[in-house]
Amino acid sequence: MTATELSRRRFLLGATSLGSLPLLASCVGSGGGEAGAGQASATVTLQSSVQDTGPKAALEKIVAAYGGAGSPVTMNSVATEQFRAQLSTYLSSATPPDVLTWYAGSVANSYAAEGLLLDVSDMWTGDGACAGFSDALRSLSTSAGGQAIFVPTTYYWWSVFYKKSAFASWGIEPPTTWDGFIALCDQLKARGIHPLTNGIGTTPWMAAGWFDYLNLRINGADYHRALLAGERSFTDPEVVAVMEQYARLIPYFHPNQTSWDNQQAVTPMVNNEAAMYLVGAFATQYFPEDQRDDLDFFSVPTIDPAVPSAEEAPTDGYFAAARTDNPDGAKALLSHLASPQVQQEYITTSGTSNLPTSPQVDTSQFAPIVQKGIELLNSTSEITQFFNRDSSDALQTTADTALTRFLADPSDIPAQLRDWQAAAEQVFSS
C-alpha cells in the first residue's frame, strides 16, 4: 500500500468509524483552558462565509448556544464571493476576526505562508479537539512549516447527481463509460432534454468542477496537483486534451447556466428539464425536501483506463487569525465546533449530505445517499480537494476568467490557455 493510499484510507476510516461520544470538555484544546480572566471574557468574532440556508441556520443555532470559556461569540455572515475577495484583508487587518470559516489544504497553507494564521498545533495533540482525526486530515491542516493551522469539521464528495424517477421515466441508466456518457447526452438532447445543468453566474468557480474531473480522468491526480502548484503549464498538451473534451460538453449545458448560481442550477432538474449536475453533495439541500430521497449519483466515468481513479472530497472547517487578541478564546470556539456532538448537530440540522471529520460521530444513521458517498471515497485510488483548495484563491480567480471565457467561445483553445498561463504566472510570482 502506498503512502497516499494509507493516508486516504486513514482519512476515510476516521470519517466512518463509530464510537461513543466523549464529554465536550475533553475536546477543548490545551490553549482554551489557560486563558486569563481578561481574555476569557472577551468577545470572539466568527466571520462566516456559510450562506446556504440550512447550514447557515445550523451554524447560527450552534453559535447562539455556545458559552464556552466565558467568551461570547459575535457571528458575521458575509456572501461567499465577497468573503473570498476580502479574506486576505480580513486576516491582515490590525483587528481581524478571531475565527473564520474556510477550506483545508493548499488554500489555507497559502495564508499560513504569509504568517496570517494562528498556530493551533496544541489542538492536534493530547486531549485536543483534533487529536483523534486522521493523518490525512492532519496533513491537509498543516502548513509547509509544520504547524497545524486549520480545524476541519466536515467534508463531502463530488459526483454527477440525477433523479432516479426522471431516469426511469426516460428509460435510461447511469453510464459506465465516457463514450456511454457522451451517447447519453446526445440521446437526451435529441429528446429536448438538457443533459447537463450548472450555475456559473455569480458562482463562476463551478466551471472548475468539470475541469478538475476531466484533468483527473485524462492526466491523473499527480499531474493535476503539479499543474495547480505551478509545476506544469496550462499550455501543456495535456491541458489542451482536457479542454478538447470539455468543449464536447458545451452543447449539452442548459443555456441559462451563465445566469444561475450553483443553487439556482438545480431548478431545471427539479422540473425534469435537465438530467444531470456535476456538483458537490452540498447541493442535495437545494432540492425540495420531497425530492431528496429521489436523488442518486454516479462518478464521472473513466476516460483513460490506465489513469488511476480519483475523486474530489473538499474539506471545510475553520482557522483563526494570527493577529487575534484572544487566541485562547478562538481555540475554545474552534474546539467546540470540532467536537463530535457539534459536528453531528450541524450535519443533522443543516440537512446537507456532508460527512463528519470526527471519528466519534456515528454515521450509521445517515441517509443512503451519504452511505453511498462514503463507499465511493473508500473505493477510489486518489482524493483531491477542489481547484482553489489544491492551489489558492488567487489561482481560482484565473480559472474563473479562463473557463467562463472558454465556455462562451471555445473556438481558440490555444490562445485561451496562453492567457490563462500568463495570469497563473503572475499569481505564482507574486
Protein backbone atom coordinates (compact mmCIF):
# COMPACT_ATOMS: atom_id res chain seq x y z
CA MET A 1 0.00 0.00 0.00
CA THR A 2 1.41 3.40 -0.98
CA ALA A 3 1.70 6.28 1.45
CA THR A 4 -1.09 8.06 -0.45
CA GLU A 5 -3.37 5.05 -0.17
CA LEU A 6 -2.58 4.67 3.53
CA SER A 7 -3.32 8.33 4.14
CA ARG A 8 -6.55 8.11 2.17
CA ARG A 9 -7.72 5.01 3.99
CA ARG A 10 -6.93 6.55 7.38
CA PHE A 11 -8.90 9.63 6.37
CA LEU A 12 -11.91 7.57 5.42
CA LEU A 13 -11.63 5.31 8.43
CA GLY A 14 -11.61 8.41 10.56
CA ALA A 15 -14.78 9.63 8.86
CA THR A 16 -16.74 6.39 9.10
CA SER A 17 -15.77 4.64 12.31
CA LEU A 18 -18.21 4.51 15.22
CA GLY A 19 -17.67 5.26 18.84
CA SER A 20 -19.14 6.68 22.00
CA LEU A 21 -19.31 10.44 22.29
CA PRO A 22 -16.98 11.87 24.94
CA LEU A 23 -17.80 14.81 27.12
CA LEU A 24 -17.34 18.10 25.32
CA ALA A 25 -14.90 19.29 27.96
CA SER A 26 -12.45 16.62 26.85
CA CYS A 27 -12.35 18.15 23.37
CA VAL A 28 -11.15 21.61 24.33
CA GLY A 29 -7.64 22.35 23.10
CA SER A 30 -4.98 22.86 25.71
CA GLY A 31 -4.81 26.56 24.98
CA GLY A 32 -8.51 27.04 25.72
CA GLY A 33 -8.15 26.10 29.37
CA GLU A 34 -5.32 28.55 30.05
CA ALA A 35 -6.96 31.85 29.13
CA GLY A 36 -6.55 34.70 31.54
CA ALA A 37 -9.60 36.31 33.06
CA GLY A 38 -9.48 39.23 30.64
CA GLN A 39 -9.14 37.05 27.57
CA ALA A 40 -11.76 34.56 28.72
CA SER A 41 -14.48 37.19 28.87
CA ALA A 42 -13.53 38.92 25.60
CA THR A 43 -15.96 38.54 22.71
CA VAL A 44 -14.85 36.15 19.97
CA THR A 45 -15.75 37.19 16.43
CA LEU A 46 -16.63 34.47 13.91
CA GLN A 47 -16.52 35.61 10.28
CA SER A 48 -18.62 33.16 8.26
CA SER A 49 -18.92 32.57 4.51
CA VAL A 50 -21.68 29.98 5.03
CA GLN A 51 -24.69 31.25 3.07
CA ASP A 52 -26.79 28.20 2.17
CA THR A 53 -29.99 28.38 4.19
CA GLY A 54 -29.76 25.10 6.11
CA PRO A 55 -26.06 25.25 7.06
CA LYS A 56 -26.27 28.95 7.91
CA ALA A 57 -29.21 28.37 10.24
CA ALA A 58 -27.46 25.38 11.82
CA LEU A 59 -24.29 27.38 12.49
CA GLU A 60 -26.26 30.30 13.89
CA LYS A 61 -28.03 27.93 16.29
CA ILE A 62 -24.76 26.37 17.42
CA VAL A 63 -23.10 29.74 17.96
CA ALA A 64 -26.12 31.13 19.82
CA ALA A 65 -25.98 28.20 22.26
CA TYR A 66 -22.21 28.44 22.79
CA GLY A 67 -20.99 29.53 26.19
CA GLY A 68 -17.51 28.06 26.24
CA ALA A 69 -14.64 29.58 28.23
CA GLY A 70 -16.79 32.54 29.20
CA SER A 71 -16.31 34.13 25.77
CA PRO A 72 -19.46 35.30 23.96
CA VAL A 73 -19.39 34.97 20.17
CA THR A 74 -20.42 37.51 17.57
CA MET A 75 -21.04 35.94 14.16
CA ASN A 76 -20.79 37.98 10.96
CA SER A 77 -22.19 36.36 7.80
CA VAL A 78 -20.68 37.51 4.51
CA ALA A 79 -21.62 36.48 0.97
CA THR A 80 -19.21 33.77 -0.12
CA GLU A 81 -17.68 35.52 -3.12
CA GLN A 82 -17.27 38.77 -1.15
CA PHE A 83 -15.72 36.75 1.67
CA ARG A 84 -13.28 35.13 -0.77
CA ALA A 85 -12.27 38.51 -2.20
CA GLN A 86 -11.84 40.08 1.26
CA LEU A 87 -10.29 37.14 3.12
CA SER A 88 -6.70 38.32 2.79
CA THR A 89 -7.78 41.76 4.00
CA TYR A 90 -9.64 40.27 6.97
CA LEU A 91 -6.62 38.27 8.05
CA SER A 92 -4.06 41.05 7.59
CA SER A 93 -6.14 43.65 9.43
CA ALA A 94 -4.79 45.08 12.67
CA THR A 95 -8.03 43.92 14.32
CA PRO A 96 -9.02 40.79 12.40
CA PRO A 97 -11.94 38.47 13.12
CA ASP A 98 -10.79 35.82 15.58
CA VAL A 99 -12.14 32.75 13.78
CA LEU A 100 -13.08 32.36 10.12
CA THR A 101 -14.74 29.68 8.04
CA TRP A 102 -12.81 28.40 5.02
CA TYR A 103 -11.12 25.40 3.44
CA ALA A 104 -8.33 22.97 4.24
CA GLY A 105 -5.35 22.18 2.01
CA SER A 106 -3.22 24.40 -0.15
CA VAL A 107 -5.59 27.35 0.03
CA ALA A 108 -5.22 27.50 3.82
CA ASN A 109 -1.48 26.96 3.56
CA SER A 110 -1.19 29.93 1.20
CA TYR A 111 -2.44 32.20 4.00
CA ALA A 112 -0.25 30.45 6.56
CA ALA A 113 2.77 31.13 4.34
CA GLU A 114 2.05 34.84 4.77
CA GLY A 115 2.03 34.43 8.55
CA LEU A 116 -1.69 35.19 8.76
CA LEU A 117 -2.98 32.06 10.53
CA LEU A 118 -2.81 31.14 14.20
CA ASP A 119 -0.79 28.06 15.16
CA VAL A 120 -3.29 25.58 16.62
CA SER A 121 -0.90 22.63 16.92
CA ASP A 122 -1.92 22.09 20.56
CA MET A 123 -5.40 21.20 19.34
CA TRP A 124 -3.94 18.20 17.47
CA THR A 125 -2.12 16.69 20.47
CA GLY A 126 -3.03 15.23 23.86
CA ASP A 127 -6.73 15.74 24.54
CA GLY A 128 -7.08 18.45 21.88
CA ALA A 129 -10.20 18.57 19.74
CA CYS A 130 -8.42 17.22 16.65
CA ALA A 131 -6.10 14.71 18.31
CA GLY A 132 -8.09 11.72 17.07
CA PHE A 133 -8.56 12.94 13.50
CA SER A 134 -6.95 11.01 10.64
CA ASP A 135 -3.42 11.50 9.35
CA ALA A 136 -4.81 12.71 6.02
CA LEU A 137 -6.82 15.43 7.77
CA ARG A 138 -3.74 16.35 9.80
CA SER A 139 -1.74 16.69 6.58
CA LEU A 140 -4.44 18.86 4.97
CA SER A 141 -4.44 21.08 8.07
CA THR A 142 -0.66 21.50 8.41
CA SER A 143 1.37 24.33 6.91
CA ALA A 144 4.58 23.90 4.95
CA GLY A 145 6.34 24.99 8.13
CA GLY A 146 4.89 22.06 10.06
CA GLN A 147 2.35 23.98 12.14
CA ALA A 148 -1.31 22.97 12.39
CA ILE A 149 -3.24 25.95 11.06
CA PHE A 150 -6.70 24.54 10.33
CA VAL A 151 -9.55 22.75 12.11
CA PRO A 152 -11.53 20.53 9.69
CA THR A 153 -15.13 19.78 10.63
CA THR A 154 -16.86 18.37 7.52
CA TYR A 155 -16.07 17.07 4.06
CA TYR A 156 -18.14 15.93 1.09
CA TRP A 157 -17.85 14.27 -2.29
CA TRP A 158 -18.45 15.47 -5.84
CA SER A 159 -20.26 13.38 -8.44
CA VAL A 160 -22.82 13.57 -11.24
CA PHE A 161 -26.20 13.82 -9.49
CA TYR A 162 -29.50 12.84 -11.10
CA LYS A 163 -33.08 11.98 -10.15
CA LYS A 164 -33.92 8.29 -10.16
CA SER A 165 -37.54 8.91 -11.15
CA ALA A 166 -36.50 11.06 -14.11
CA PHE A 167 -34.06 8.47 -15.42
CA ALA A 168 -36.72 5.77 -15.01
CA SER A 169 -39.33 7.81 -16.89
CA TRP A 170 -36.86 8.46 -19.69
CA GLY A 171 -35.86 4.79 -19.82
CA ILE A 172 -32.16 5.46 -19.28
CA GLU A 173 -29.44 4.18 -16.94
CA PRO A 174 -26.36 5.89 -15.49
CA PRO A 175 -23.47 5.46 -17.95
CA THR A 176 -20.44 3.40 -17.02
CA THR A 177 -18.04 4.63 -19.74
CA TRP A 178 -17.14 8.04 -21.15
CA ASP A 179 -18.40 7.10 -24.60
CA GLY A 180 -21.62 5.96 -22.95
CA PHE A 181 -21.88 9.29 -21.15
CA ILE A 182 -21.50 11.25 -24.40
CA ALA A 183 -24.01 8.97 -26.12
CA LEU A 184 -26.48 9.52 -23.28
CA CYS A 185 -26.07 13.28 -23.57
CA ASP A 186 -26.74 13.05 -27.31
CA GLN A 187 -29.83 10.93 -26.70
CA LEU A 188 -31.24 13.34 -24.11
CA LYS A 189 -30.53 16.41 -26.24
CA ALA A 190 -32.31 14.80 -29.20
CA ARG A 191 -35.38 14.39 -26.98
CA GLY A 192 -35.41 18.05 -25.97
CA ILE A 193 -33.92 17.46 -22.51
CA HIS A 194 -30.89 19.45 -21.41
CA PRO A 195 -28.34 16.78 -20.47
CA LEU A 196 -26.37 18.98 -18.05
CA THR A 197 -27.01 21.90 -15.75
CA ASN A 198 -24.59 24.23 -13.99
CA GLY A 199 -24.54 27.63 -12.35
CA ILE A 200 -21.58 29.83 -13.25
CA GLY A 201 -23.20 33.26 -12.99
CA THR A 202 -22.33 34.56 -9.54
CA THR A 203 -20.51 31.30 -8.72
CA PRO A 204 -18.06 31.09 -11.64
CA TRP A 205 -15.87 28.65 -9.71
CA MET A 206 -18.44 25.97 -10.58
CA ALA A 207 -16.90 25.85 -14.07
CA ALA A 208 -13.77 24.39 -12.47
CA GLY A 209 -15.64 21.26 -11.41
CA TRP A 210 -15.64 19.77 -14.90
CA PHE A 211 -12.08 20.99 -15.50
CA ASP A 212 -10.87 19.20 -12.37
CA TYR A 213 -12.60 15.93 -13.19
CA LEU A 214 -11.57 15.87 -16.83
CA ASN A 215 -7.97 16.55 -15.81
CA LEU A 216 -8.16 13.79 -13.19
CA ARG A 217 -9.63 11.34 -15.71
CA ILE A 218 -7.23 12.20 -18.56
CA ASN A 219 -3.98 13.06 -16.77
CA GLY A 220 -4.37 11.77 -13.22
CA ALA A 221 -4.20 13.28 -9.74
CA ASP A 222 -0.41 13.71 -9.67
CA TYR A 223 -0.43 15.79 -12.85
CA HIS A 224 -3.45 17.75 -11.60
CA ARG A 225 -1.70 18.68 -8.35
CA ALA A 226 1.50 19.60 -10.19
CA LEU A 227 -0.41 21.85 -12.59
CA LEU A 228 -2.14 23.66 -9.74
CA ALA A 229 1.18 24.05 -7.92
CA GLY A 230 2.72 25.83 -10.93
CA GLU A 231 4.99 22.90 -11.79
CA ARG A 232 3.31 22.37 -15.16
CA SER A 233 1.87 24.83 -17.67
CA PHE A 234 -1.71 25.44 -18.73
CA THR A 235 -0.34 25.41 -22.29
CA ASP A 236 0.76 21.77 -21.94
CA PRO A 237 -0.69 19.35 -24.49
CA GLU A 238 -2.19 17.51 -21.52
CA VAL A 239 -4.33 20.56 -20.70
CA VAL A 240 -5.24 21.02 -24.37
CA ALA A 241 -6.61 17.47 -24.29
CA VAL A 242 -8.70 18.36 -21.22
CA MET A 243 -10.16 21.43 -22.88
CA GLU A 244 -10.97 19.50 -26.05
CA GLN A 245 -13.06 17.06 -24.01
CA TYR A 246 -14.63 19.96 -22.10
CA ALA A 247 -15.58 21.58 -25.42
CA ARG A 248 -17.54 18.44 -26.31
CA LEU A 249 -19.76 19.07 -23.28
CA ILE A 250 -20.63 22.70 -24.01
CA PRO A 251 -23.64 21.94 -26.27
CA TYR A 252 -25.13 19.81 -23.50
CA PHE A 253 -25.29 22.52 -20.82
CA HIS A 254 -28.53 24.37 -20.15
CA PRO A 255 -28.14 27.77 -21.86
CA ASN A 256 -29.09 29.58 -18.65
CA GLN A 257 -26.02 28.37 -16.77
CA THR A 258 -24.42 31.80 -17.07
CA SER A 259 -27.44 33.39 -15.38
CA TRP A 260 -27.66 30.99 -12.44
CA ASP A 261 -25.65 30.43 -9.32
CA ASN A 262 -24.94 26.90 -8.13
CA GLN A 263 -28.20 26.75 -6.15
CA GLN A 264 -30.44 28.03 -8.93
CA ALA A 265 -28.91 25.45 -11.28
CA VAL A 266 -30.98 22.68 -9.66
CA THR A 267 -34.22 24.25 -10.94
CA PRO A 268 -34.26 22.51 -14.34
CA MET A 269 -33.57 19.19 -12.61
CA VAL A 270 -36.42 19.79 -10.19
CA ASN A 271 -38.67 20.36 -13.21
CA ASN A 272 -37.23 17.43 -15.23
CA GLU A 273 -35.93 19.83 -17.88
CA ALA A 274 -32.30 18.87 -17.24
CA ALA A 275 -30.89 15.48 -16.38
CA MET A 276 -27.52 15.71 -14.61
CA TYR A 277 -25.43 18.04 -12.46
CA LEU A 278 -21.74 17.64 -11.59
CA VAL A 279 -21.68 19.20 -8.13
CA GLY A 280 -20.73 18.61 -4.53
CA ALA A 281 -23.07 16.73 -2.23
CA PHE A 282 -23.94 20.05 -0.58
CA ALA A 283 -26.38 20.55 -3.46
CA THR A 284 -28.80 17.95 -2.11
CA GLN A 285 -30.16 20.61 0.26
CA TYR A 286 -31.11 22.79 -2.73
CA PHE A 287 -33.76 20.30 -3.87
CA PRO A 288 -37.29 20.32 -2.45
CA GLU A 289 -37.46 18.08 0.59
CA ASP A 290 -39.84 15.67 -1.14
CA GLN A 291 -37.29 15.13 -3.94
CA ARG A 292 -34.17 14.49 -1.87
CA ASP A 293 -34.80 10.76 -1.48
CA ASP A 294 -35.12 10.61 -5.27
CA LEU A 295 -31.54 11.80 -5.78
CA ASP A 296 -28.72 9.48 -6.76
CA PHE A 297 -25.30 9.94 -8.33
CA PHE A 298 -22.58 8.29 -10.37
CA SER A 299 -18.91 9.08 -10.67
CA VAL A 300 -17.61 10.85 -13.79
CA PRO A 301 -16.82 7.83 -15.99
CA THR A 302 -13.29 6.70 -16.74
CA ILE A 303 -11.76 8.20 -19.88
CA ASP A 304 -8.34 6.52 -19.84
CA PRO A 305 -8.35 3.13 -18.06
CA ALA A 306 -4.61 3.48 -17.40
CA VAL A 307 -5.21 6.52 -15.17
CA PRO A 308 -5.92 5.63 -11.50
CA SER A 309 -9.34 6.64 -10.22
CA ALA A 310 -9.64 9.90 -8.31
CA GLU A 311 -12.48 11.74 -6.60
CA GLU A 312 -12.82 15.21 -5.16
CA ALA A 313 -13.65 15.39 -1.45
CA PRO A 314 -13.30 19.02 -0.31
CA THR A 315 -12.77 19.56 3.40
CA ASP A 316 -14.34 22.51 5.22
CA GLY A 317 -13.73 23.99 8.62
CA TYR A 318 -12.16 26.95 10.36
CA PHE A 319 -8.93 28.76 11.03
CA ALA A 320 -8.02 31.62 13.35
CA ALA A 321 -6.22 34.86 12.58
CA ALA A 322 -2.63 35.03 13.78
CA ARG A 323 -3.28 38.60 14.91
CA THR A 324 -6.26 37.73 17.12
CA ASP A 325 -6.04 39.39 20.53
CA ASN A 326 -7.85 36.43 22.09
CA PRO A 327 -6.11 33.23 20.91
CA ASP A 328 -7.40 31.18 23.83
CA GLY A 329 -10.98 32.22 23.19
CA ALA A 330 -10.53 31.46 19.49
CA LYS A 331 -9.19 27.97 20.26
CA ALA A 332 -12.02 27.28 22.68
CA LEU A 333 -14.56 28.10 19.97
CA LEU A 334 -12.65 26.01 17.41
CA SER A 335 -12.64 23.10 19.84
CA HIS A 336 -16.37 23.38 20.34
CA LEU A 337 -17.05 23.46 16.59
CA ALA A 338 -14.82 20.40 16.05
CA SER A 339 -16.42 18.30 18.79
CA PRO A 340 -18.37 15.19 17.72
CA GLN A 341 -21.60 16.44 19.27
CA VAL A 342 -21.48 19.72 17.36
CA GLN A 343 -20.46 18.04 14.10
CA GLN A 344 -23.41 15.68 14.46
CA GLU A 345 -25.78 18.54 15.25
CA TYR A 346 -24.51 20.67 12.38
CA ILE A 347 -24.87 17.92 9.77
CA THR A 348 -28.26 16.79 11.03
CA THR A 349 -29.71 20.27 11.43
CA SER A 350 -28.35 21.68 8.17
CA GLY A 351 -29.92 18.98 6.01
CA THR A 352 -26.75 18.55 3.97
CA SER A 353 -25.07 15.36 2.80
CA ASN A 354 -21.79 16.36 4.43
CA LEU A 355 -19.61 13.84 6.24
CA PRO A 356 -18.05 14.43 9.68
CA THR A 357 -14.30 14.56 10.27
CA SER A 358 -14.53 13.30 13.84
CA PRO A 359 -14.15 9.51 14.11
CA GLN A 360 -16.55 9.61 17.07
CA VAL A 361 -19.60 10.65 15.06
CA ASP A 362 -21.97 7.75 14.31
CA THR A 363 -22.62 7.82 10.56
CA SER A 364 -24.72 4.64 10.51
CA GLN A 365 -27.97 6.59 10.64
CA PHE A 366 -27.09 8.90 7.76
CA ALA A 367 -29.13 8.75 4.55
CA PRO A 368 -28.44 6.00 1.96
CA ILE A 369 -27.01 8.53 -0.48
CA VAL A 370 -24.45 9.53 2.16
CA GLN A 371 -23.54 5.89 2.77
CA LYS A 372 -23.01 5.56 -0.99
CA GLY A 373 -20.79 8.65 -0.92
CA ILE A 374 -18.65 7.06 1.78
CA GLU A 375 -18.36 3.90 -0.33
CA LEU A 376 -17.31 5.96 -3.36
CA LEU A 377 -14.48 7.62 -1.44
CA ASN A 378 -13.45 4.29 0.08
CA SER A 379 -13.10 2.74 -3.37
CA THR A 380 -11.04 5.38 -5.17
CA SER A 381 -7.26 5.45 -5.52
CA GLU A 382 -6.77 9.19 -5.02
CA ILE A 383 -8.60 12.03 -3.31
CA THR A 384 -8.21 15.68 -4.26
CA GLN A 385 -9.94 18.79 -2.91
CA PHE A 386 -11.08 21.34 -5.49
CA PHE A 387 -9.27 23.76 -7.80
CA ASN A 388 -8.68 26.59 -5.32
CA ARG A 389 -8.25 24.22 -2.38
CA ASP A 390 -5.46 22.38 -4.21
CA SER A 391 -3.94 25.72 -5.30
CA SER A 392 -5.05 29.11 -3.94
CA ASP A 393 -7.92 31.55 -4.09
CA ALA A 394 -5.79 33.74 -6.36
CA LEU A 395 -5.32 30.94 -8.89
CA GLN A 396 -9.05 30.19 -8.71
CA THR A 397 -9.69 33.71 -10.00
CA THR A 398 -7.61 32.94 -13.09
CA ALA A 399 -9.65 29.77 -13.62
CA ASP A 400 -12.93 31.67 -13.27
CA THR A 401 -11.87 34.08 -16.00
CA ALA A 402 -10.37 31.47 -18.32
CA LEU A 403 -13.16 28.92 -18.06
CA THR A 404 -16.10 31.31 -18.36
CA ARG A 405 -14.43 32.80 -21.45
CA PHE A 406 -13.87 29.31 -22.85
CA LEU A 407 -17.48 28.23 -22.21
CA ALA A 408 -18.71 31.32 -24.06
CA ASP A 409 -16.44 30.68 -27.05
CA PRO A 410 -14.23 27.57 -27.26
CA SER A 411 -13.01 28.34 -30.78
CA ASP A 412 -9.39 29.18 -29.86
CA ILE A 413 -8.27 26.94 -27.03
CA PRO A 414 -4.51 27.53 -27.51
CA ALA A 415 -4.90 31.33 -27.21
CA GLN A 416 -7.11 30.98 -24.15
CA LEU A 417 -4.62 28.66 -22.48
CA ARG A 418 -1.75 31.07 -23.21
CA ASP A 419 -3.72 33.83 -21.48
CA TRP A 420 -4.51 31.52 -18.58
CA GLN A 421 -0.86 30.58 -18.17
CA ALA A 422 0.18 34.24 -18.24
CA ALA A 423 -2.32 35.02 -15.47
CA ALA A 424 -1.19 31.97 -13.48
CA GLU A 425 2.45 33.03 -13.74
CA GLN A 426 1.55 36.38 -12.21
CA VAL A 427 -0.06 34.57 -9.28
CA PHE A 428 2.92 32.30 -8.72
CA SER A 429 5.42 35.15 -9.00
CA SER A 430 3.61 37.44 -6.57
